[in-house]
Every structure is written in structure tokens, then in C-alpha cells.
PDB file of N, CA and C in Angstrom:
ATOM      1  N   UNK A   1     -46.061  -1.959  83.610  1.00  0.00           N
ATOM      2  CA  UNK A   1     -46.904  -2.244  83.454  1.00  0.00           C
ATOM      3  C   UNK A   1     -46.221  -3.929  83.544  1.00  0.00           C
ATOM      4  N   UNK A   2     -46.942  -4.823  83.559  1.00  0.00           N
ATOM      5  CA  UNK A   2     -46.222  -6.435  83.548  1.00  0.00           C
ATOM      6  C   UNK A   2     -46.856  -7.308  82.719  1.00  0.00           C
ATOM      7  N   UNK A   3     -46.224  -7.068  81.494  1.00  0.00           N
ATOM      8  CA  UNK A   3     -46.360  -8.546  81.040  1.00  0.00           C
ATOM      9  C   UNK A   3     -45.705  -8.699  80.225  1.00  0.00           C
ATOM     10  N   UNK A   4     -45.898  -9.733  79.631  1.00  0.00           N
ATOM     11  CA  UNK A   4     -44.141 -10.374  78.527  1.00  0.00           C
ATOM     12  C   UNK A   4     -44.036  -9.430  77.615  1.00  0.00           C
ATOM     13  N   UNK A   5     -42.772  -8.631  77.630  1.00  0.00           N
ATOM     14  CA  UNK A   5     -42.746  -7.813  76.429  1.00  0.00           C
ATOM     15  C   UNK A   5     -42.694  -8.304  75.008  1.00  0.00           C
ATOM     16  N   UNK A   6     -43.346  -7.179  74.057  1.00  0.00           N
ATOM     17  CA  UNK A   6     -43.368  -7.819  72.728  1.00  0.00           C
ATOM     18  C   UNK A   6     -41.849  -7.748  71.917  1.00  0.00           C
ATOM     19  N   UNK A   7     -42.282  -7.638  70.849  1.00  0.00           N
ATOM     20  CA  UNK A   7     -43.389  -8.434  70.252  1.00  0.00           C
ATOM     21  C   UNK A   7     -43.292  -9.943  70.236  1.00  0.00           C
ATOM     22  N   UNK A   8     -44.537 -10.496  70.019  1.00  0.00           N
ATOM     23  CA  UNK A   8     -45.066 -11.875  69.894  1.00  0.00           C
ATOM     24  C   UNK A   8     -44.959 -12.641  68.426  1.00  0.00           C
ATOM     25  N   UNK A   9     -44.659 -13.588  68.517  1.00  0.00           N
ATOM     26  CA  UNK A   9     -44.339 -14.225  67.853  1.00  0.00           C
ATOM     27  C   UNK A   9     -45.860 -15.172  67.089  1.00  0.00           C
ATOM     28  N   UNK A  10     -46.302 -15.888  66.553  1.00  0.00           N
ATOM     29  CA  UNK A  10     -47.290 -16.961  66.004  1.00  0.00           C
ATOM     30  C   UNK A  10     -46.855 -17.633  65.148  1.00  0.00           C
ATOM     31  N   UNK A  11     -47.254 -19.179  65.928  1.00  0.00           N
ATOM     32  CA  UNK A  11     -46.924 -20.559  65.033  1.00  0.00           C
ATOM     33  C   UNK A  11     -48.778 -21.191  65.329  1.00  0.00           C
ATOM     34  N   UNK A  12     -48.458 -21.946  64.156  1.00  0.00           N
ATOM     35  CA  UNK A  12     -50.103 -22.916  64.444  1.00  0.00           C
ATOM     36  C   UNK A  12     -48.984 -24.582  63.939  1.00  0.00           C
ATOM     37  N   UNK A  13     -49.288 -25.178  65.065  1.00  0.00           N
ATOM     38  CA  UNK A  13     -48.680 -26.416  65.323  1.00  0.00           C
ATOM     39  C   UNK A  13     -49.402 -26.862  63.888  1.00  0.00           C
ATOM     40  N   UNK A  14     -49.100 -28.838  63.909  1.00  0.00           N
ATOM     41  CA  UNK A  14     -49.731 -29.599  62.936  1.00  0.00           C
ATOM     42  C   UNK A  14     -51.103 -29.988  63.513  1.00  0.00           C
ATOM     43  N   UNK A  15     -51.358 -30.430  64.352  1.00  0.00           N
ATOM     44  CA  UNK A  15     -52.518 -30.533  64.930  1.00  0.00           C
ATOM     45  C   UNK A  15     -53.953 -29.541  65.088  1.00  0.00           C
ATOM     46  N   UNK A  16     -52.723 -28.052  64.315  1.00  0.00           N
ATOM     47  CA  UNK A  16     -54.035 -26.827  63.994  1.00  0.00           C
ATOM     48  C   UNK A  16     -54.457 -26.304  65.159  1.00  0.00           C
ATOM     49  N   UNK A  17     -53.506 -26.019  66.634  1.00  0.00           N
ATOM     50  CA  UNK A  17     -53.202 -24.973  67.797  1.00  0.00           C
ATOM     51  C   UNK A  17     -52.429 -24.368  67.132  1.00  0.00           C
ATOM     52  N   UNK A  18     -52.426 -22.601  67.679  1.00  0.00           N
ATOM     53  CA  UNK A  18     -52.058 -21.454  67.714  1.00  0.00           C
ATOM     54  C   UNK A  18     -50.933 -21.372  68.917  1.00  0.00           C
ATOM     55  N   UNK A  19     -49.843 -21.397  68.673  1.00  0.00           N
ATOM     56  CA  UNK A  19     -49.096 -20.946  69.932  1.00  0.00           C
ATOM     57  C   UNK A  19     -48.243 -19.445  69.520  1.00  0.00           C
ATOM     58  N   UNK A  20     -48.690 -19.041  70.810  1.00  0.00           N
ATOM     59  CA  UNK A  20     -48.268 -17.420  70.871  1.00  0.00           C
ATOM     60  C   UNK A  20     -46.653 -17.843  72.202  1.00  0.00           C
ATOM     61  N   UNK A  21     -45.861 -16.746  71.588  1.00  0.00           N
ATOM     62  CA  UNK A  21     -44.220 -16.832  72.226  1.00  0.00           C
ATOM     63  C   UNK A  21     -43.502 -15.058  71.740  1.00  0.00           C
ATOM     64  N   UNK A  22     -42.987 -15.221  72.901  1.00  0.00           N
ATOM     65  CA  UNK A  22     -42.163 -14.217  72.713  1.00  0.00           C
ATOM     66  C   UNK A  22     -41.368 -14.096  71.702  1.00  0.00           C
ATOM     67  N   UNK A  23     -40.657 -12.940  70.827  1.00  0.00           N
ATOM     68  CA  UNK A  23     -40.076 -13.643  69.764  1.00  0.00           C
ATOM     69  C   UNK A  23     -38.940 -13.377  69.735  1.00  0.00           C
ATOM     70  N   UNK A  24     -38.622 -13.006  71.035  1.00  0.00           N
ATOM     71  CA  UNK A  24     -37.097 -14.061  71.706  1.00  0.00           C
ATOM     72  C   UNK A  24     -36.957 -15.271  71.770  1.00  0.00           C
ATOM     73  N   UNK A  25     -37.737 -15.827  73.029  1.00  0.00           N
ATOM     74  CA  UNK A  25     -37.476 -17.010  72.919  1.00  0.00           C
ATOM     75  C   UNK A  25     -38.188 -18.216  72.009  1.00  0.00           C
ATOM     76  N   UNK A  26     -39.465 -17.870  71.430  1.00  0.00           N
ATOM     77  CA  UNK A  26     -39.638 -18.752  70.740  1.00  0.00           C
ATOM     78  C   UNK A  26     -39.494 -20.104  71.141  1.00  0.00           C
ATOM     79  N   UNK A  27     -40.186 -20.704  72.066  1.00  0.00           N
ATOM     80  CA  UNK A  27     -40.309 -21.930  72.619  1.00  0.00           C
ATOM     81  C   UNK A  27     -41.285 -22.884  72.497  1.00  0.00           C
ATOM     82  N   UNK A  28     -42.524 -22.141  71.991  1.00  0.00           N
ATOM     83  CA  UNK A  28     -43.577 -22.951  72.013  1.00  0.00           C
ATOM     84  C   UNK A  28     -44.805 -22.963  73.194  1.00  0.00           C
ATOM     85  N   UNK A  29     -44.510 -22.649  74.740  1.00  0.00           N
ATOM     86  CA  UNK A  29     -45.097 -22.325  75.643  1.00  0.00           C
ATOM     87  C   UNK A  29     -45.472 -21.144  75.497  1.00  0.00           C
ATOM     88  N   UNK A  30     -44.931 -20.328  75.962  1.00  0.00           N
ATOM     89  CA  UNK A  30     -45.224 -18.937  76.702  1.00  0.00           C
ATOM     90  C   UNK A  30     -46.501 -17.974  76.937  1.00  0.00           C
ATOM     91  N   UNK A  31     -46.520 -17.255  75.712  1.00  0.00           N
ATOM     92  CA  UNK A  31     -47.708 -16.641  76.057  1.00  0.00           C
ATOM     93  C   UNK A  31     -49.465 -16.982  76.227  1.00  0.00           C
ATOM     94  N   UNK A  32     -49.576 -17.280  74.812  1.00  0.00           N
ATOM     95  CA  UNK A  32     -50.559 -18.162  74.630  1.00  0.00           C
ATOM     96  C   UNK A  32     -51.031 -19.645  73.790  1.00  0.00           C
ATOM     97  N   UNK A  33     -52.303 -19.988  74.379  1.00  0.00           N
ATOM     98  CA  UNK A  33     -51.857 -21.478  73.365  1.00  0.00           C
ATOM     99  C   UNK A  33     -53.794 -21.161  73.078  1.00  0.00           C
ATOM    100  N   UNK A  34     -54.205 -21.423  71.819  1.00  0.00           N
ATOM    101  CA  UNK A  34     -55.308 -21.060  71.660  1.00  0.00           C
ATOM    102  C   UNK A  34     -56.001 -22.089  70.333  1.00  0.00           C
ATOM    103  N   UNK A  35     -56.880 -22.552  71.249  1.00  0.00           N
ATOM    104  CA  UNK A  35     -57.424 -24.232  70.562  1.00  0.00           C
ATOM    105  C   UNK A  35     -59.121 -23.369  69.989  1.00  0.00           C
ATOM    106  N   UNK A  36     -58.887 -24.164  68.657  1.00  0.00           N
ATOM    107  CA  UNK A  36     -60.095 -24.020  67.784  1.00  0.00           C
ATOM    108  C   UNK A  36     -61.170 -24.514  68.514  1.00  0.00           C
ATOM    109  N   UNK A  37     -62.360 -24.228  68.881  1.00  0.00           N
ATOM    110  CA  UNK A  37     -63.429 -24.227  69.355  1.00  0.00           C
ATOM    111  C   UNK A  37     -64.763 -23.322  68.616  1.00  0.00           C
ATOM    112  N   UNK A  38     -64.599 -22.615  68.105  1.00  0.00           N
ATOM    113  CA  UNK A  38     -65.683 -21.940  67.591  1.00  0.00           C
ATOM    114  C   UNK A  38     -65.025 -21.420  65.863  1.00  0.00           C
ATOM    115  N   UNK A  39     -64.153 -21.460  65.351  1.00  0.00           N
ATOM    116  CA  UNK A  39     -63.895 -21.894  63.893  1.00  0.00           C
ATOM    117  C   UNK A  39     -63.290 -19.893  63.939  1.00  0.00           C
ATOM    118  N   UNK A  40     -63.376 -19.623  64.666  1.00  0.00           N
ATOM    119  CA  UNK A  40     -62.314 -17.869  64.921  1.00  0.00           C
ATOM    120  C   UNK A  40     -60.770 -18.235  65.892  1.00  0.00           C
ATOM    121  N   UNK A  41     -60.370 -19.525  65.760  1.00  0.00           N
ATOM    122  CA  UNK A  41     -59.007 -19.525  66.301  1.00  0.00           C
ATOM    123  C   UNK A  41     -57.916 -18.694  65.849  1.00  0.00           C
ATOM    124  N   UNK A  42     -57.874 -18.626  64.320  1.00  0.00           N
ATOM    125  CA  UNK A  42     -56.762 -17.846  64.081  1.00  0.00           C
ATOM    126  C   UNK A  42     -56.891 -16.316  63.721  1.00  0.00           C
ATOM    127  N   UNK A  43     -58.259 -16.105  63.836  1.00  0.00           N
ATOM    128  CA  UNK A  43     -58.297 -14.590  63.887  1.00  0.00           C
ATOM    129  C   UNK A  43     -58.148 -14.001  65.537  1.00  0.00           C
ATOM    130  N   UNK A  44     -58.524 -14.523  66.162  1.00  0.00           N
ATOM    131  CA  UNK A  44     -57.916 -14.468  67.583  1.00  0.00           C
ATOM    132  C   UNK A  44     -56.266 -14.661  68.325  1.00  0.00           C
ATOM    133  N   UNK A  45     -56.355 -15.578  67.539  1.00  0.00           N
ATOM    134  CA  UNK A  45     -54.494 -15.693  67.691  1.00  0.00           C
ATOM    135  C   UNK A  45     -53.647 -14.358  67.093  1.00  0.00           C
ATOM    136  N   UNK A  46     -54.223 -14.036  65.700  1.00  0.00           N
ATOM    137  CA  UNK A  46     -53.669 -12.794  65.181  1.00  0.00           C
ATOM    138  C   UNK A  46     -53.798 -11.629  66.385  1.00  0.00           C
ATOM    139  N   UNK A  47     -54.942 -11.284  66.412  1.00  0.00           N
ATOM    140  CA  UNK A  47     -55.139 -10.177  67.218  1.00  0.00           C
ATOM    141  C   UNK A  47     -54.513 -10.119  68.827  1.00  0.00           C
ATOM    142  N   UNK A  48     -54.572 -11.832  69.188  1.00  0.00           N
ATOM    143  CA  UNK A  48     -53.374 -11.701  70.731  1.00  0.00           C
ATOM    144  C   UNK A  48     -51.807 -11.248  70.053  1.00  0.00           C
ATOM    145  N   UNK A  49     -51.431 -12.142  69.238  1.00  0.00           N
ATOM    146  CA  UNK A  49     -50.080 -11.751  69.021  1.00  0.00           C
ATOM    147  C   UNK A  49     -49.589  -9.859  68.720  1.00  0.00           C
ATOM    148  N   UNK A  50     -50.088  -9.837  68.064  1.00  0.00           N
ATOM    149  CA  UNK A  50     -50.292  -8.312  68.193  1.00  0.00           C
ATOM    150  C   UNK A  50     -50.159  -6.893  69.240  1.00  0.00           C
ATOM    151  N   UNK A  51     -50.948  -7.970  70.318  1.00  0.00           N
ATOM    152  CA  UNK A  51     -51.498  -6.778  71.121  1.00  0.00           C
ATOM    153  C   UNK A  51     -50.090  -5.718  71.786  1.00  0.00           C
ATOM    154  N   UNK A  52     -48.636  -6.449  72.262  1.00  0.00           N
ATOM    155  CA  UNK A  52     -48.049  -5.500  72.410  1.00  0.00           C
ATOM    156  C   UNK A  52     -47.919  -4.390  71.310  1.00  0.00           C
ATOM    157  N   UNK A  53     -48.186  -4.574  70.690  1.00  0.00           N
ATOM    158  CA  UNK A  53     -47.394  -3.541  69.004  1.00  0.00           C
ATOM    159  C   UNK A  53     -48.674  -2.439  69.230  1.00  0.00           C
ATOM    160  N   UNK A  54     -50.231  -3.284  69.364  1.00  0.00           N
ATOM    161  CA  UNK A  54     -51.104  -2.000  69.785  1.00  0.00           C
ATOM    162  C   UNK A  54     -51.035  -1.192  70.707  1.00  0.00           C
ATOM    163  N   UNK A  55     -50.708  -1.341  71.430  1.00  0.00           N
ATOM    164  CA  UNK A  55     -50.514  -1.020  73.010  1.00  0.00           C
ATOM    165  C   UNK A  55     -49.662  -0.017  72.712  1.00  0.00           C
ATOM    166  N   UNK A  56     -48.348  -0.345  72.125  1.00  0.00           N
ATOM    167  CA  UNK A  56     -47.332   0.868  72.355  1.00  0.00           C
ATOM    168  C   UNK A  56     -48.126   2.263  71.232  1.00  0.00           C
ATOM    169  N   UNK A  57     -48.763   1.166  70.257  1.00  0.00           N
ATOM    170  CA  UNK A  57     -49.618   2.511  69.055  1.00  0.00           C
ATOM    171  C   UNK A  57     -50.466   3.483  70.171  1.00  0.00           C
ATOM    172  N   UNK A  58     -51.176   3.023  70.895  1.00  0.00           N
ATOM    173  CA  UNK A  58     -52.176   3.192  71.244  1.00  0.00           C
ATOM    174  C   UNK A  58     -51.548   4.521  72.566  1.00  0.00           C
ATOM    175  N   UNK A  59     -50.298   3.867  72.662  1.00  0.00           N
ATOM    176  CA  UNK A  59     -50.050   5.226  73.888  1.00  0.00           C
ATOM    177  C   UNK A  59     -49.059   6.080  73.191  1.00  0.00           C
ATOM    178  N   UNK A  60     -48.431   5.920  72.376  1.00  0.00           N
ATOM    179  CA  UNK A  60     -47.833   7.227  71.154  1.00  0.00           C
ATOM    180  C   UNK A  60     -49.133   7.763  71.156  1.00  0.00           C
ATOM    181  N   UNK A  61     -50.520   7.200  70.260  1.00  0.00           N
ATOM    182  CA  UNK A  61     -51.439   7.786  69.915  1.00  0.00           C
ATOM    183  C   UNK A  61     -52.112   8.988  70.974  1.00  0.00           C
ATOM    184  N   UNK A  62     -52.436   8.323  72.055  1.00  0.00           N
ATOM    185  CA  UNK A  62     -52.860   8.993  72.924  1.00  0.00           C
ATOM    186  C   UNK A  62     -51.833  10.082  74.231  1.00  0.00           C
ATOM    187  N   UNK A  63     -50.945   9.998  73.904  1.00  0.00           N
ATOM    188  CA  UNK A  63     -49.932  11.618  73.852  1.00  0.00           C
ATOM    189  C   UNK A  63     -49.942  12.243  72.997  1.00  0.00           C
ATOM    190  N   UNK A  64     -50.399  12.382  71.832  1.00  0.00           N
ATOM    191  CA  UNK A  64     -50.082  12.913  70.935  1.00  0.00           C
ATOM    192  C   UNK A  64     -49.986  14.296  71.349  1.00  0.00           C
ATOM    193  N   UNK A  65     -51.021  14.936  71.671  1.00  0.00           N
ATOM    194  CA  UNK A  65     -51.561  16.226  72.000  1.00  0.00           C
ATOM    195  C   UNK A  65     -50.301  16.542  73.248  1.00  0.00           C
ATOM    196  N   UNK A  66     -49.735  15.982  74.108  1.00  0.00           N
ATOM    197  CA  UNK A  66     -48.731  16.323  75.116  1.00  0.00           C
ATOM    198  C   UNK A  66     -47.400  16.717  74.209  1.00  0.00           C
ATOM    199  N   UNK A  67     -47.134  15.644  72.831  1.00  0.00           N
ATOM    200  CA  UNK A  67     -45.884  16.195  72.576  1.00  0.00           C
ATOM    201  C   UNK A  67     -45.876  17.543  71.476  1.00  0.00           C
ATOM    202  N   UNK A  68     -47.509  17.843  71.279  1.00  0.00           N
ATOM    203  CA  UNK A  68     -47.214  18.770  70.301  1.00  0.00           C
ATOM    204  C   UNK A  68     -47.749  19.983  70.822  1.00  0.00           C
ATOM    205  N   UNK A  69     -47.339  19.925  72.621  1.00  0.00           N
ATOM    206  CA  UNK A  69     -47.505  20.985  73.254  1.00  0.00           C
ATOM    207  C   UNK A  69     -48.949  21.141  73.762  1.00  0.00           C
ATOM    208  N   UNK A  70     -49.958  20.268  73.718  1.00  0.00           N
ATOM    209  CA  UNK A  70     -51.007  21.016  74.317  1.00  0.00           C
ATOM    210  C   UNK A  70     -51.024  20.425  75.770  1.00  0.00           C
ATOM    211  N   UNK A  71     -51.671  21.196  76.541  1.00  0.00           N
ATOM    212  CA  UNK A  71     -51.923  20.335  78.283  1.00  0.00           C
ATOM    213  C   UNK A  71     -52.605  19.566  77.970  1.00  0.00           C
ATOM    214  N   UNK A  72     -52.252  18.814  79.324  1.00  0.00           N
ATOM    215  CA  UNK A  72     -52.725  17.771  79.543  1.00  0.00           C
ATOM    216  C   UNK A  72     -53.964  17.839  80.315  1.00  0.00           C
ATOM    217  N   UNK A  73     -55.229  18.190  79.638  1.00  0.00           N
ATOM    218  CA  UNK A  73     -56.835  18.732  80.387  1.00  0.00           C
ATOM    219  C   UNK A  73     -57.681  17.986  80.012  1.00  0.00           C
ATOM    220  N   UNK A  74     -58.589  17.314  80.029  1.00  0.00           N
ATOM    221  CA  UNK A  74     -59.143  16.121  79.480  1.00  0.00           C
ATOM    222  C   UNK A  74     -60.583  16.964  78.751  1.00  0.00           C
ATOM    223  N   UNK A  75     -60.061  18.875  79.123  1.00  0.00           N
ATOM    224  CA  UNK A  75     -60.946  19.120  78.502  1.00  0.00           C
ATOM    225  C   UNK A  75     -60.814  19.620  77.245  1.00  0.00           C
ATOM    226  N   UNK A  76     -59.483  19.864  77.012  1.00  0.00           N
ATOM    227  CA  UNK A  76     -58.673  19.725  75.863  1.00  0.00           C
ATOM    228  C   UNK A  76     -58.077  18.734  74.803  1.00  0.00           C
ATOM    229  N   UNK A  77     -58.053  17.466  75.179  1.00  0.00           N
ATOM    230  CA  UNK A  77     -57.854  16.621  74.723  1.00  0.00           C
ATOM    231  C   UNK A  77     -58.488  15.742  74.240  1.00  0.00           C
ATOM    232  N   UNK A  78     -58.733  15.510  72.407  1.00  0.00           N
ATOM    233  CA  UNK A  78     -59.729  14.912  71.877  1.00  0.00           C
ATOM    234  C   UNK A  78     -60.449  13.707  72.390  1.00  0.00           C
ATOM    235  N   UNK A  79     -61.509  13.368  72.077  1.00  0.00           N
ATOM    236  CA  UNK A  79     -62.665  12.149  72.312  1.00  0.00           C
ATOM    237  C   UNK A  79     -62.089  10.782  72.601  1.00  0.00           C
ATOM    238  N   UNK A  80     -61.031  10.979  71.373  1.00  0.00           N
ATOM    239  CA  UNK A  80     -60.591   9.296  71.172  1.00  0.00           C
ATOM    240  C   UNK A  80     -59.222   8.854  71.969  1.00  0.00           C
ATOM    241  N   UNK A  81     -58.781  10.117  72.177  1.00  0.00           N
ATOM    242  CA  UNK A  81     -57.483  10.169  72.806  1.00  0.00           C
ATOM    243  C   UNK A  81     -57.758  10.012  74.722  1.00  0.00           C
ATOM    244  N   UNK A  82     -58.913  10.191  74.978  1.00  0.00           N
ATOM    245  CA  UNK A  82     -58.935  10.145  76.252  1.00  0.00           C
ATOM    246  C   UNK A  82     -59.323   8.744  76.377  1.00  0.00           C
ATOM    247  N   UNK A  83     -60.673   8.266  75.459  1.00  0.00           N
ATOM    248  CA  UNK A  83     -60.639   6.919  75.049  1.00  0.00           C
ATOM    249  C   UNK A  83     -59.634   5.590  74.782  1.00  0.00           C
ATOM    250  N   UNK A  84     -58.739   6.146  74.481  1.00  0.00           N
ATOM    251  CA  UNK A  84     -57.245   5.884  74.121  1.00  0.00           C
ATOM    252  C   UNK A  84     -56.195   5.306  75.922  1.00  0.00           C
ATOM    253  N   UNK A  85     -56.303   6.290  76.223  1.00  0.00           N
ATOM    254  CA  UNK A  85     -56.127   6.655  77.985  1.00  0.00           C
ATOM    255  C   UNK A  85     -56.863   5.858  78.681  1.00  0.00           C
ATOM    256  N   UNK A  86     -58.507   5.667  78.637  1.00  0.00           N
ATOM    257  CA  UNK A  86     -58.707   5.059  79.570  1.00  0.00           C
ATOM    258  C   UNK A  86     -58.711   3.450  78.934  1.00  0.00           C
ATOM    259  N   UNK A  87     -58.279   3.027  77.855  1.00  0.00           N
ATOM    260  CA  UNK A  87     -58.212   1.538  77.103  1.00  0.00           C
ATOM    261  C   UNK A  87     -56.919   1.108  77.656  1.00  0.00           C
ATOM    262  N   UNK A  88     -55.467   1.908  77.821  1.00  0.00           N
ATOM    263  CA  UNK A  88     -54.413   1.858  78.506  1.00  0.00           C
ATOM    264  C   UNK A  88     -54.710   1.616  79.753  1.00  0.00           C
ATOM    265  N   UNK A  89     -55.113   2.323  80.300  1.00  0.00           N
ATOM    266  CA  UNK A  89     -55.226   2.241  81.762  1.00  0.00           C
ATOM    267  C   UNK A  89     -55.550   0.944  82.538  1.00  0.00           C
ATOM    268  N   UNK A  90     -56.714   0.175  81.546  1.00  0.00           N
ATOM    269  CA  UNK A  90     -57.860  -1.002  81.955  1.00  0.00           C
ATOM    270  C   UNK A  90     -56.507  -2.129  81.258  1.00  0.00           C
ATOM    271  N   UNK A  91     -55.557  -1.627  80.347  1.00  0.00           N
ATOM    272  CA  UNK A  91     -55.072  -3.133  80.172  1.00  0.00           C
ATOM    273  C   UNK A  91     -53.751  -2.873  80.857  1.00  0.00           C
ATOM    274  N   UNK A  92     -52.894  -2.186  81.409  1.00  0.00           N
ATOM    275  CA  UNK A  92     -52.651  -2.414  83.035  1.00  0.00           C
ATOM    276  C   UNK A  92     -53.159  -2.625  84.161  1.00  0.00           C
ATOM    277  N   UNK A  93     -54.013  -2.504  83.972  1.00  0.00           N
ATOM    278  CA  UNK A  93     -54.963  -3.395  85.598  1.00  0.00           C
ATOM    279  C   UNK A  93     -55.147  -1.819  85.993  1.00  0.00           C
ATOM    280  N   UNK A  94     -55.531  -0.815  85.945  1.00  0.00           N
ATOM    281  CA  UNK A  94     -55.978   0.425  86.245  1.00  0.00           C
ATOM    282  C   UNK A  94     -56.690   0.762  86.194  1.00  0.00           C
ATOM    283  N   UNK A  95     -57.893   1.977  87.455  1.00  0.00           N
ATOM    284  CA  UNK A  95     -59.102   2.532  86.703  1.00  0.00           C
ATOM    285  C   UNK A  95     -58.791   3.848  85.910  1.00  0.00           C
ATOM    286  N   UNK A  96     -59.406   4.061  85.055  1.00  0.00           N
ATOM    287  CA  UNK A  96     -59.130   5.068  83.954  1.00  0.00           C
ATOM    288  C   UNK A  96     -59.080   6.415  85.042  1.00  0.00           C
TER     289      UNK A  96
END
């Protein structure tokens, strides 16, 4: 997957703009800049900042059956795990 590795770091500048950077660099440029255009900027910035960690948790959960010895058969995988796998593929730019 081609994305800046996490964890990501969220800061708010004095002018109210949110900056999301790689935790290693924290250089104020990096991943995303969130401007407040609709009053949701803080919530949006927090969600974006945890995206790499959410993705890793989703990967772990989606593959729980394989770790527990369940075959990789869509008919035997719980619907929530199938959905997570679809979303992980979407995040990677692949068709599920």
C-alpha cells in the first residue's frame, strides 16, 4: 500500500488550521491541512489523523478467522470481516 506510514500527528496552528504530519517528521507540511469551512474541521482532522491506525486494526480484525484456523472461504467468513476486507481493498485502490 502506498501511503505515508503512521502514526500521524495532529496539530492546530494559531490561525485555527489543522495540520496532519507523520509522527517521525512533524514538520507542519506533510499529510493534510484541514481548513474550517463548515465547523467540522476538528472532527475531520481527528478522523484523518488516526486513519493509519484504523487501517491496521481493520486488517487485524478482517483476518482473525485465518489466524484462528478458519479457511479463507467467503462463505465461512463473517459478514463484518468480508466488509472490512472490501474497505481495506478500497483504501489500497484495489477492487474488492
